[in-house]
mmCIF file of all heavy atoms, coordinates in Angstrom:
data_MODEL
# 
_entry.id   MODEL 
# 
loop_
_atom_site.group_PDB 
_atom_site.id 
_atom_site.type_symbol 
_atom_site.label_atom_id 
_atom_site.label_alt_id 
_atom_site.label_comp_id 
_atom_site.label_asym_id 
_atom_site.label_entity_id 
_atom_site.label_seq_id 
_atom_site.pdbx_PDB_ins_code 
_atom_site.Cartn_x 
_atom_site.Cartn_y 
_atom_site.Cartn_z 
_atom_site.occupancy 
_atom_site.B_iso_or_equiv 
_atom_site.pdbx_formal_charge 
_atom_site.auth_seq_id 
_atom_site.auth_comp_id 
_atom_site.auth_asym_id 
_atom_site.auth_atom_id 
_atom_site.pdbx_PDB_model_num 
ATOM 1   N N   . GLY A 1 1  ? 94.394  127.391 125.841 1.00 0.00 ? 1  GLY A N   1 
ATOM 2   C CA  . GLY A 1 1  ? 95.740  126.860 125.597 1.00 0.00 ? 1  GLY A CA  1 
ATOM 3   C C   . GLY A 1 1  ? 95.705  125.473 124.990 1.00 0.00 ? 1  GLY A C   1 
ATOM 4   O O   . GLY A 1 1  ? 94.650  124.992 124.541 1.00 0.00 ? 1  GLY A O   1 
ATOM 5   N N   . PRO A 1 2  ? 96.855  124.783 124.990 1.00 0.00 ? 2  PRO A N   1 
ATOM 6   C CA  . PRO A 1 2  ? 96.915  123.461 124.372 1.00 0.00 ? 2  PRO A CA  1 
ATOM 7   C C   . PRO A 1 2  ? 96.222  122.380 125.204 1.00 0.00 ? 2  PRO A C   1 
ATOM 8   O O   . PRO A 1 2  ? 96.042  122.521 126.413 1.00 0.00 ? 2  PRO A O   1 
ATOM 9   C CB  . PRO A 1 2  ? 98.422  123.169 124.283 1.00 0.00 ? 2  PRO A CB  1 
ATOM 10  C CG  . PRO A 1 2  ? 99.094  124.153 125.154 1.00 0.00 ? 2  PRO A CG  1 
ATOM 11  C CD  . PRO A 1 2  ? 98.155  125.241 125.493 1.00 0.00 ? 2  PRO A CD  1 
ATOM 12  N N   . ILE A 1 3  ? 95.849  121.291 124.519 1.00 0.00 ? 3  ILE A N   1 
ATOM 13  C CA  . ILE A 1 3  ? 95.223  120.119 125.152 1.00 0.00 ? 3  ILE A CA  1 
ATOM 14  C C   . ILE A 1 3  ? 95.908  118.879 124.572 1.00 0.00 ? 3  ILE A C   1 
ATOM 15  O O   . ILE A 1 3  ? 96.180  118.823 123.367 1.00 0.00 ? 3  ILE A O   1 
ATOM 16  C CB  . ILE A 1 3  ? 93.714  120.041 124.800 1.00 0.00 ? 3  ILE A CB  1 
ATOM 17  C CG1 . ILE A 1 3  ? 92.978  121.310 125.252 1.00 0.00 ? 3  ILE A CG1 1 
ATOM 18  C CG2 . ILE A 1 3  ? 93.070  118.811 125.427 1.00 0.00 ? 3  ILE A CG2 1 
ATOM 19  C CD1 . ILE A 1 3  ? 91.594  121.486 124.623 1.00 0.00 ? 3  ILE A CD1 1 
ATOM 20  N N   . ILE A 1 4  ? 96.212  117.909 125.437 1.00 0.00 ? 4  ILE A N   1 
ATOM 21  C CA  . ILE A 1 4  ? 96.703  116.621 124.936 1.00 0.00 ? 4  ILE A CA  1 
ATOM 22  C C   . ILE A 1 4  ? 95.750  115.522 125.409 1.00 0.00 ? 4  ILE A C   1 
ATOM 23  O O   . ILE A 1 4  ? 95.123  115.652 126.460 1.00 0.00 ? 4  ILE A O   1 
ATOM 24  C CB  . ILE A 1 4  ? 98.162  116.333 125.367 1.00 0.00 ? 4  ILE A CB  1 
ATOM 25  C CG1 . ILE A 1 4  ? 98.322  116.295 126.894 1.00 0.00 ? 4  ILE A CG1 1 
ATOM 26  C CG2 . ILE A 1 4  ? 99.115  117.363 124.762 1.00 0.00 ? 4  ILE A CG2 1 
ATOM 27  C CD1 . ILE A 1 4  ? 99.723  115.904 127.374 1.00 0.00 ? 4  ILE A CD1 1 
ATOM 28  N N   . PHE A 1 5  ? 95.611  114.475 124.614 1.00 0.00 ? 5  PHE A N   1 
ATOM 29  C CA  . PHE A 1 5  ? 94.649  113.418 124.960 1.00 0.00 ? 5  PHE A CA  1 
ATOM 30  C C   . PHE A 1 5  ? 95.129  112.080 124.388 1.00 0.00 ? 5  PHE A C   1 
ATOM 31  O O   . PHE A 1 5  ? 96.211  112.013 123.782 1.00 0.00 ? 5  PHE A O   1 
ATOM 32  C CB  . PHE A 1 5  ? 93.244  113.780 124.453 1.00 0.00 ? 5  PHE A CB  1 
ATOM 33  C CG  . PHE A 1 5  ? 93.187  114.206 123.006 1.00 0.00 ? 5  PHE A CG  1 
ATOM 34  C CD1 . PHE A 1 5  ? 92.925  113.281 122.007 1.00 0.00 ? 5  PHE A CD1 1 
ATOM 35  C CD2 . PHE A 1 5  ? 93.430  115.534 122.640 1.00 0.00 ? 5  PHE A CD2 1 
ATOM 36  C CE1 . PHE A 1 5  ? 92.892  113.670 120.674 1.00 0.00 ? 5  PHE A CE1 1 
ATOM 37  C CE2 . PHE A 1 5  ? 93.401  115.931 121.302 1.00 0.00 ? 5  PHE A CE2 1 
ATOM 38  C CZ  . PHE A 1 5  ? 93.125  114.986 120.313 1.00 0.00 ? 5  PHE A CZ  1 
ATOM 39  N N   . ASP A 1 6  ? 94.353  111.022 124.600 1.00 0.00 ? 6  ASP A N   1 
ATOM 40  C CA  . ASP A 1 6  ? 94.715  109.651 124.176 1.00 0.00 ? 6  ASP A CA  1 
ATOM 41  C C   . ASP A 1 6  ? 96.114  109.240 124.638 1.00 0.00 ? 6  ASP A C   1 
ATOM 42  O O   . ASP A 1 6  ? 96.920  108.767 123.838 1.00 0.00 ? 6  ASP A O   1 
ATOM 43  C CB  . ASP A 1 6  ? 94.636  109.520 122.640 1.00 0.00 ? 6  ASP A CB  1 
ATOM 44  C CG  . ASP A 1 6  ? 93.208  109.439 122.137 1.00 0.00 ? 6  ASP A CG  1 
ATOM 45  O OD1 . ASP A 1 6  ? 92.291  109.471 122.975 1.00 0.00 ? 6  ASP A OD1 1 
ATOM 46  O OD2 . ASP A 1 6  ? 93.008  109.340 120.919 1.00 0.00 ? 6  ASP A OD2 1 
ATOM 47  N N   . PRO A 1 7  ? 96.441  109.396 125.929 1.00 0.00 ? 7  PRO A N   1 
ATOM 48  C CA  . PRO A 1 7  ? 97.796  109.084 126.376 1.00 0.00 ? 7  PRO A CA  1 
ATOM 49  C C   . PRO A 1 7  ? 98.034  107.588 126.598 1.00 0.00 ? 7  PRO A C   1 
ATOM 50  O O   . PRO A 1 7  ? 97.085  106.801 126.721 1.00 0.00 ? 7  PRO A O   1 
ATOM 51  C CB  . PRO A 1 7  ? 97.897  109.827 127.712 1.00 0.00 ? 7  PRO A CB  1 
ATOM 52  C CG  . PRO A 1 7  ? 96.492  109.833 128.232 1.00 0.00 ? 7  PRO A CG  1 
ATOM 53  C CD  . PRO A 1 7  ? 95.591  109.903 127.025 1.00 0.00 ? 7  PRO A CD  1 
ATOM 54  N N   . ALA A 1 8  ? 99.311  107.232 126.638 1.00 0.00 ? 8  ALA A N   1 
ATOM 55  C CA  . ALA A 1 8  ? 99.758  105.872 126.994 1.00 0.00 ? 8  ALA A CA  1 
ATOM 56  C C   . ALA A 1 8  ? 100.934 106.076 127.950 1.00 0.00 ? 8  ALA A C   1 
ATOM 57  O O   . ALA A 1 8  ? 102.078 105.783 127.638 1.00 0.00 ? 8  ALA A O   1 
ATOM 58  C CB  . ALA A 1 8  ? 100.185 105.116 125.741 1.00 0.00 ? 8  ALA A CB  1 
ATOM 59  N N   . SER A 1 9  ? 100.632 106.626 129.119 1.00 0.00 ? 9  SER A N   1 
ATOM 60  C CA  . SER A 1 9  ? 101.670 107.191 129.988 1.00 0.00 ? 9  SER A CA  1 
ATOM 61  C C   . SER A 1 9  ? 102.548 106.147 130.679 1.00 0.00 ? 9  SER A C   1 
ATOM 62  O O   . SER A 1 9  ? 102.157 105.000 130.864 1.00 0.00 ? 9  SER A O   1 
ATOM 63  C CB  . SER A 1 9  ? 101.025 108.068 131.066 1.00 0.00 ? 9  SER A CB  1 
ATOM 64  O OG  . SER A 1 9  ? 100.465 109.222 130.484 1.00 0.00 ? 9  SER A OG  1 
ATOM 65  N N   . PHE A 1 10 ? 103.726 106.615 131.049 1.00 0.00 ? 10 PHE A N   1 
ATOM 66  C CA  . PHE A 1 10 ? 104.632 105.895 131.944 1.00 0.00 ? 10 PHE A CA  1 
ATOM 67  C C   . PHE A 1 10 ? 105.747 106.865 132.305 1.00 0.00 ? 10 PHE A C   1 
ATOM 68  O O   . PHE A 1 10 ? 105.846 107.947 131.721 1.00 0.00 ? 10 PHE A O   1 
ATOM 69  C CB  . PHE A 1 10 ? 105.181 104.607 131.292 1.00 0.00 ? 10 PHE A CB  1 
ATOM 70  C CG  . PHE A 1 10 ? 106.057 104.830 130.076 1.00 0.00 ? 10 PHE A CG  1 
ATOM 71  C CD1 . PHE A 1 10 ? 107.447 104.821 130.175 1.00 0.00 ? 10 PHE A CD1 1 
ATOM 72  C CD2 . PHE A 1 10 ? 105.494 105.020 128.820 1.00 0.00 ? 10 PHE A CD2 1 
ATOM 73  C CE1 . PHE A 1 10 ? 108.245 105.011 129.050 1.00 0.00 ? 10 PHE A CE1 1 
ATOM 74  C CE2 . PHE A 1 10 ? 106.281 105.212 127.694 1.00 0.00 ? 10 PHE A CE2 1 
ATOM 75  C CZ  . PHE A 1 10 ? 107.670 105.206 127.811 1.00 0.00 ? 10 PHE A CZ  1 
ATOM 76  N N   . TYR A 1 11 ? 106.545 106.509 133.300 1.00 0.00 ? 11 TYR A N   1 
ATOM 77  C CA  . TYR A 1 11 ? 107.715 107.309 133.656 1.00 0.00 ? 11 TYR A CA  1 
ATOM 78  C C   . TYR A 1 11 ? 108.892 106.810 132.829 1.00 0.00 ? 11 TYR A C   1 
ATOM 79  O O   . TYR A 1 11 ? 109.265 105.639 132.912 1.00 0.00 ? 11 TYR A O   1 
ATOM 80  C CB  . TYR A 1 11 ? 108.009 107.192 135.152 1.00 0.00 ? 11 TYR A CB  1 
ATOM 81  C CG  . TYR A 1 11 ? 107.071 108.021 135.997 1.00 0.00 ? 11 TYR A CG  1 
ATOM 82  C CD1 . TYR A 1 11 ? 105.834 107.517 136.409 1.00 0.00 ? 11 TYR A CD1 1 
ATOM 83  C CD2 . TYR A 1 11 ? 107.402 109.326 136.361 1.00 0.00 ? 11 TYR A CD2 1 
ATOM 84  C CE1 . TYR A 1 11 ? 104.961 108.283 137.166 1.00 0.00 ? 11 TYR A CE1 1 
ATOM 85  C CE2 . TYR A 1 11 ? 106.533 110.106 137.114 1.00 0.00 ? 11 TYR A CE2 1 
ATOM 86  C CZ  . TYR A 1 11 ? 105.316 109.581 137.512 1.00 0.00 ? 11 TYR A CZ  1 
ATOM 87  O OH  . TYR A 1 11 ? 104.452 110.354 138.250 1.00 0.00 ? 11 TYR A OH  1 
ATOM 88  N N   . GLY A 1 12 ? 109.463 107.701 132.011 1.00 0.00 ? 12 GLY A N   1 
ATOM 89  C CA  . GLY A 1 12 ? 110.556 107.319 131.124 1.00 0.00 ? 12 GLY A CA  1 
ATOM 90  C C   . GLY A 1 12 ? 111.486 108.485 130.859 1.00 0.00 ? 12 GLY A C   1 
ATOM 91  O O   . GLY A 1 12 ? 111.472 109.490 131.587 1.00 0.00 ? 12 GLY A O   1 
ATOM 92  N N   . HIS A 1 13 ? 112.288 108.371 129.802 1.00 0.00 ? 13 HIS A N   1 
ATOM 93  C CA  . HIS A 1 13 ? 113.227 109.425 129.408 1.00 0.00 ? 13 HIS A CA  1 
ATOM 94  C C   . HIS A 1 13 ? 112.460 110.486 128.629 1.00 0.00 ? 13 HIS A C   1 
ATOM 95  O O   . HIS A 1 13 ? 111.758 110.161 127.659 1.00 0.00 ? 13 HIS A O   1 
ATOM 96  C CB  . HIS A 1 13 ? 114.326 108.795 128.530 1.00 0.00 ? 13 HIS A CB  1 
ATOM 97  C CG  . HIS A 1 13 ? 115.426 109.741 128.190 1.00 0.00 ? 13 HIS A CG  1 
ATOM 98  N ND1 . HIS A 1 13 ? 116.371 109.456 127.232 1.00 0.00 ? 13 HIS A ND1 1 
ATOM 99  C CD2 . HIS A 1 13 ? 115.751 110.963 128.675 1.00 0.00 ? 13 HIS A CD2 1 
ATOM 100 C CE1 . HIS A 1 13 ? 117.229 110.466 127.152 1.00 0.00 ? 13 HIS A CE1 1 
ATOM 101 N NE2 . HIS A 1 13 ? 116.867 111.390 128.018 1.00 0.00 ? 13 HIS A NE2 1 
ATOM 102 N N   . SER A 1 14 ? 112.605 111.734 129.012 1.00 0.00 ? 14 SER A N   1 
ATOM 103 C CA  . SER A 1 14 ? 111.839 112.813 128.368 1.00 0.00 ? 14 SER A CA  1 
ATOM 104 C C   . SER A 1 14 ? 112.033 112.831 126.844 1.00 0.00 ? 14 SER A C   1 
ATOM 105 O O   . SER A 1 14 ? 111.097 113.133 126.095 1.00 0.00 ? 14 SER A O   1 
ATOM 106 C CB  . SER A 1 14 ? 112.222 114.167 128.967 1.00 0.00 ? 14 SER A CB  1 
ATOM 107 O OG  . SER A 1 14 ? 113.622 114.378 128.878 1.00 0.00 ? 14 SER A OG  1 
ATOM 108 N N   . GLU A 1 15 ? 113.226 112.478 126.371 1.00 0.00 ? 15 GLU A N   1 
ATOM 109 C CA  . GLU A 1 15 ? 113.488 112.499 124.920 1.00 0.00 ? 15 GLU A CA  1 
ATOM 110 C C   . GLU A 1 15 ? 112.561 111.549 124.153 1.00 0.00 ? 15 GLU A C   1 
ATOM 111 O O   . GLU A 1 15 ? 112.263 111.778 122.976 1.00 0.00 ? 15 GLU A O   1 
ATOM 112 C CB  . GLU A 1 15 ? 114.941 112.099 124.637 1.00 0.00 ? 15 GLU A CB  1 
ATOM 113 C CG  . GLU A 1 15 ? 115.955 113.142 125.065 1.00 0.00 ? 15 GLU A CG  1 
ATOM 114 C CD  . GLU A 1 15 ? 117.396 112.680 124.844 1.00 0.00 ? 15 GLU A CD  1 
ATOM 115 O OE1 . GLU A 1 15 ? 117.630 111.548 124.373 1.00 0.00 ? 15 GLU A OE1 1 
ATOM 116 O OE2 . GLU A 1 15 ? 118.308 113.467 125.173 1.00 0.00 ? 15 GLU A OE2 1 
ATOM 117 N N   . TYR A 1 16 ? 112.147 110.487 124.808 1.00 0.00 ? 16 TYR A N   1 
ATOM 118 C CA  . TYR A 1 16 ? 111.268 109.483 124.176 1.00 0.00 ? 16 TYR A CA  1 
ATOM 119 C C   . TYR A 1 16 ? 110.010 110.137 123.611 1.00 0.00 ? 16 TYR A C   1 
ATOM 120 O O   . TYR A 1 16 ? 109.507 109.742 122.557 1.00 0.00 ? 16 TYR A O   1 
ATOM 121 C CB  . TYR A 1 16 ? 110.908 108.417 125.225 1.00 0.00 ? 16 TYR A CB  1 
ATOM 122 C CG  . TYR A 1 16 ? 109.927 107.357 124.769 1.00 0.00 ? 16 TYR A CG  1 
ATOM 123 C CD1 . TYR A 1 16 ? 110.379 106.126 124.287 1.00 0.00 ? 16 TYR A CD1 1 
ATOM 124 C CD2 . TYR A 1 16 ? 108.545 107.559 124.842 1.00 0.00 ? 16 TYR A CD2 1 
ATOM 125 C CE1 . TYR A 1 16 ? 109.482 105.144 123.887 1.00 0.00 ? 16 TYR A CE1 1 
ATOM 126 C CE2 . TYR A 1 16 ? 107.648 106.591 124.433 1.00 0.00 ? 16 TYR A CE2 1 
ATOM 127 C CZ  . TYR A 1 16 ? 108.124 105.381 123.963 1.00 0.00 ? 16 TYR A CZ  1 
ATOM 128 O OH  . TYR A 1 16 ? 107.229 104.414 123.557 1.00 0.00 ? 16 TYR A OH  1 
ATOM 129 N N   . GLU A 1 17 ? 109.501 111.143 124.321 1.00 0.00 ? 17 GLU A N   1 
ATOM 130 C CA  . GLU A 1 17 ? 108.254 111.820 123.938 1.00 0.00 ? 17 GLU A CA  1 
ATOM 131 C C   . GLU A 1 17 ? 108.351 112.443 122.556 1.00 0.00 ? 17 GLU A C   1 
ATOM 132 O O   . GLU A 1 17 ? 107.366 112.533 121.832 1.00 0.00 ? 17 GLU A O   1 
ATOM 133 C CB  . GLU A 1 17 ? 107.951 112.913 124.972 1.00 0.00 ? 17 GLU A CB  1 
ATOM 134 C CG  . GLU A 1 17 ? 106.549 113.459 124.895 1.00 0.00 ? 17 GLU A CG  1 
ATOM 135 C CD  . GLU A 1 17 ? 105.582 112.652 125.764 1.00 0.00 ? 17 GLU A CD  1 
ATOM 136 O OE1 . GLU A 1 17 ? 105.147 111.567 125.323 1.00 0.00 ? 17 GLU A OE1 1 
ATOM 137 O OE2 . GLU A 1 17 ? 105.277 113.114 126.875 1.00 0.00 ? 17 GLU A OE2 1 
ATOM 138 N N   . LEU A 1 18 ? 109.554 112.924 122.199 1.00 0.00 ? 18 LEU A N   1 
ATOM 139 C CA  . LEU A 1 18 ? 109.693 113.688 120.962 1.00 0.00 ? 18 LEU A CA  1 
ATOM 140 C C   . LEU A 1 18 ? 109.839 112.799 119.731 1.00 0.00 ? 18 LEU A C   1 
ATOM 141 O O   . LEU A 1 18 ? 109.835 113.283 118.603 1.00 0.00 ? 18 LEU A O   1 
ATOM 142 C CB  . LEU A 1 18 ? 110.907 114.625 121.065 1.00 0.00 ? 18 LEU A CB  1 
ATOM 143 C CG  . LEU A 1 18 ? 110.828 115.659 122.199 1.00 0.00 ? 18 LEU A CG  1 
ATOM 144 C CD1 . LEU A 1 18 ? 112.080 116.510 122.233 1.00 0.00 ? 18 LEU A CD1 1 
ATOM 145 C CD2 . LEU A 1 18 ? 109.587 116.538 122.072 1.00 0.00 ? 18 LEU A CD2 1 
ATOM 146 N N   . ALA A 1 19 ? 109.944 111.468 119.937 1.00 0.00 ? 19 ALA A N   1 
ATOM 147 C CA  . ALA A 1 19 ? 110.190 110.558 118.815 1.00 0.00 ? 19 ALA A CA  1 
ATOM 148 C C   . ALA A 1 19 ? 109.014 110.505 117.852 1.00 0.00 ? 19 ALA A C   1 
ATOM 149 O O   . ALA A 1 19 ? 109.148 110.794 116.668 1.00 0.00 ? 19 ALA A O   1 
ATOM 150 C CB  . ALA A 1 19 ? 110.529 109.168 119.337 1.00 0.00 ? 19 ALA A CB  1 
ATOM 151 N N   . ILE A 1 20 ? 107.840 110.175 118.378 1.00 0.00 ? 20 ILE A N   1 
ATOM 152 C CA  . ILE A 1 20 ? 106.680 110.059 117.473 1.00 0.00 ? 20 ILE A CA  1 
ATOM 153 C C   . ILE A 1 20 ? 106.222 111.440 117.016 1.00 0.00 ? 20 ILE A C   1 
ATOM 154 O O   . ILE A 1 20 ? 105.704 111.593 115.905 1.00 0.00 ? 20 ILE A O   1 
ATOM 155 C CB  . ILE A 1 20 ? 105.518 109.250 118.113 1.00 0.00 ? 20 ILE A CB  1 
ATOM 156 C CG1 . ILE A 1 20 ? 104.516 108.829 117.019 1.00 0.00 ? 20 ILE A CG1 1 
ATOM 157 C CG2 . ILE A 1 20 ? 104.863 109.979 119.269 1.00 0.00 ? 20 ILE A CG2 1 
ATOM 158 C CD1 . ILE A 1 20 ? 103.524 107.780 117.428 1.00 0.00 ? 20 ILE A CD1 1 
ATOM 159 N N   . ALA A 1 21 ? 106.473 112.469 117.836 1.00 0.00 ? 21 ALA A N   1 
ATOM 160 C CA  . ALA A 1 21 ? 106.135 113.844 117.437 1.00 0.00 ? 21 ALA A CA  1 
ATOM 161 C C   . ALA A 1 21 ? 106.852 114.200 116.127 1.00 0.00 ? 21 ALA A C   1 
ATOM 162 O O   . ALA A 1 21 ? 106.287 114.870 115.261 1.00 0.00 ? 21 ALA A O   1 
ATOM 163 C CB  . ALA A 1 21 ? 106.540 114.823 118.539 1.00 0.00 ? 21 ALA A CB  1 
ATOM 164 N N   . GLY A 1 22 ? 108.090 113.715 115.974 1.00 0.00 ? 22 GLY A N   1 
ATOM 165 C CA  . GLY A 1 22 ? 108.868 114.044 114.775 1.00 0.00 ? 22 GLY A CA  1 
ATOM 166 C C   . GLY A 1 22 ? 108.593 113.150 113.582 1.00 0.00 ? 22 GLY A C   1 
ATOM 167 O O   . GLY A 1 22 ? 109.047 113.427 112.475 1.00 0.00 ? 22 GLY A O   1 
ATOM 168 N N   . MET A 1 23 ? 107.833 112.069 113.783 1.00 0.00 ? 23 MET A N   1 
ATOM 169 C CA  . MET A 1 23 ? 107.632 111.099 112.693 1.00 0.00 ? 23 MET A CA  1 
ATOM 170 C C   . MET A 1 23 ? 106.551 111.506 111.714 1.00 0.00 ? 23 MET A C   1 
ATOM 171 O O   . MET A 1 23 ? 106.674 111.286 110.521 1.00 0.00 ? 23 MET A O   1 
ATOM 172 C CB  . MET A 1 23 ? 107.296 109.715 113.284 1.00 0.00 ? 23 MET A CB  1 
ATOM 173 C CG  . MET A 1 23 ? 108.512 108.973 113.788 1.00 0.00 ? 23 MET A CG  1 
ATOM 174 S SD  . MET A 1 23 ? 108.095 107.574 114.867 1.00 0.00 ? 23 MET A SD  1 
ATOM 175 C CE  . MET A 1 23 ? 107.086 106.532 113.812 1.00 0.00 ? 23 MET A CE  1 
ATOM 176 N N   . PHE A 1 24 ? 105.480 112.089 112.217 1.00 0.00 ? 24 PHE A N   1 
ATOM 177 C CA  . PHE A 1 24 ? 104.321 112.355 111.359 1.00 0.00 ? 24 PHE A CA  1 
ATOM 178 C C   . PHE A 1 24 ? 103.990 113.840 111.232 1.00 0.00 ? 24 PHE A C   1 
ATOM 179 O O   . PHE A 1 24 ? 102.931 114.200 110.735 1.00 0.00 ? 24 PHE A O   1 
ATOM 180 C CB  . PHE A 1 24 ? 103.093 111.583 111.882 1.00 0.00 ? 24 PHE A CB  1 
ATOM 181 C CG  . PHE A 1 24 ? 103.325 110.095 111.965 1.00 0.00 ? 24 PHE A CG  1 
ATOM 182 C CD1 . PHE A 1 24 ? 103.362 109.453 113.195 1.00 0.00 ? 24 PHE A CD1 1 
ATOM 183 C CD2 . PHE A 1 24 ? 103.521 109.348 110.822 1.00 0.00 ? 24 PHE A CD2 1 
ATOM 184 C CE1 . PHE A 1 24 ? 103.583 108.080 113.278 1.00 0.00 ? 24 PHE A CE1 1 
ATOM 185 C CE2 . PHE A 1 24 ? 103.740 107.979 110.884 1.00 0.00 ? 24 PHE A CE2 1 
ATOM 186 C CZ  . PHE A 1 24 ? 103.769 107.342 112.108 1.00 0.00 ? 24 PHE A CZ  1 
ATOM 187 N N   . GLY A 1 25 ? 104.878 114.702 111.696 1.00 0.00 ? 25 GLY A N   1 
ATOM 188 C CA  . GLY A 1 25 ? 104.650 116.145 111.546 1.00 0.00 ? 25 GLY A CA  1 
ATOM 189 C C   . GLY A 1 25 ? 103.586 116.671 112.495 1.00 0.00 ? 25 GLY A C   1 
ATOM 190 O O   . GLY A 1 25 ? 103.153 115.976 113.415 1.00 0.00 ? 25 GLY A O   1 
ATOM 191 N N   . GLY A 1 26 ? 103.160 117.916 112.254 1.00 0.00 ? 26 GLY A N   1 
ATOM 192 C CA  . GLY A 1 26 ? 102.109 118.513 113.069 1.00 0.00 ? 26 GLY A CA  1 
ATOM 193 C C   . GLY A 1 26 ? 102.621 119.399 114.186 1.00 0.00 ? 26 GLY A C   1 
ATOM 194 O O   . GLY A 1 26 ? 101.843 120.008 114.909 1.00 0.00 ? 26 GLY A O   1 
ATOM 195 N N   . PHE A 1 27 ? 103.964 119.474 114.338 1.00 0.00 ? 27 PHE A N   1 
ATOM 196 C CA  . PHE A 1 27 ? 104.544 120.307 115.399 1.00 0.00 ? 27 PHE A CA  1 
ATOM 197 C C   . PHE A 1 27 ? 105.468 121.344 114.763 1.00 0.00 ? 27 PHE A C   1 
ATOM 198 O O   . PHE A 1 27 ? 106.372 120.988 114.020 1.00 0.00 ? 27 PHE A O   1 
ATOM 199 C CB  . PHE A 1 27 ? 105.322 119.439 116.396 1.00 0.00 ? 27 PHE A CB  1 
ATOM 200 C CG  . PHE A 1 27 ? 104.444 118.465 117.143 1.00 0.00 ? 27 PHE A CG  1 
ATOM 201 C CD1 . PHE A 1 27 ? 104.162 117.207 116.618 1.00 0.00 ? 27 PHE A CD1 1 
ATOM 202 C CD2 . PHE A 1 27 ? 103.865 118.807 118.352 1.00 0.00 ? 27 PHE A CD2 1 
ATOM 203 C CE1 . PHE A 1 27 ? 103.342 116.309 117.293 1.00 0.00 ? 27 PHE A CE1 1 
ATOM 204 C CE2 . PHE A 1 27 ? 103.038 117.924 119.038 1.00 0.00 ? 27 PHE A CE2 1 
ATOM 205 C CZ  . PHE A 1 27 ? 102.776 116.672 118.500 1.00 0.00 ? 27 PHE A CZ  1 
ATOM 206 N N   . SER A 1 28 ? 105.229 122.602 115.088 1.00 0.00 ? 28 SER A N   1 
ATOM 207 C CA  . SER A 1 28 ? 105.978 123.692 114.453 1.00 0.00 ? 28 SER A CA  1 
ATOM 208 C C   . SER A 1 28 ? 107.329 123.900 115.134 1.00 0.00 ? 28 SER A C   1 
ATOM 209 O O   . SER A 1 28 ? 107.586 123.384 116.224 1.00 0.00 ? 28 SER A O   1 
ATOM 210 C CB  . SER A 1 28 ? 105.164 124.982 114.559 1.00 0.00 ? 28 SER A CB  1 
ATOM 211 O OG  . SER A 1 28 ? 105.087 125.345 115.927 1.00 0.00 ? 28 SER A OG  1 
# 
């Protein structure tokens, strides 16, 4: 399955996660 790495974690608003995902592509 999927793997995620190089995190910079904190507790925040879930929507925040999708911001950089949408900036540089790579997500279908």
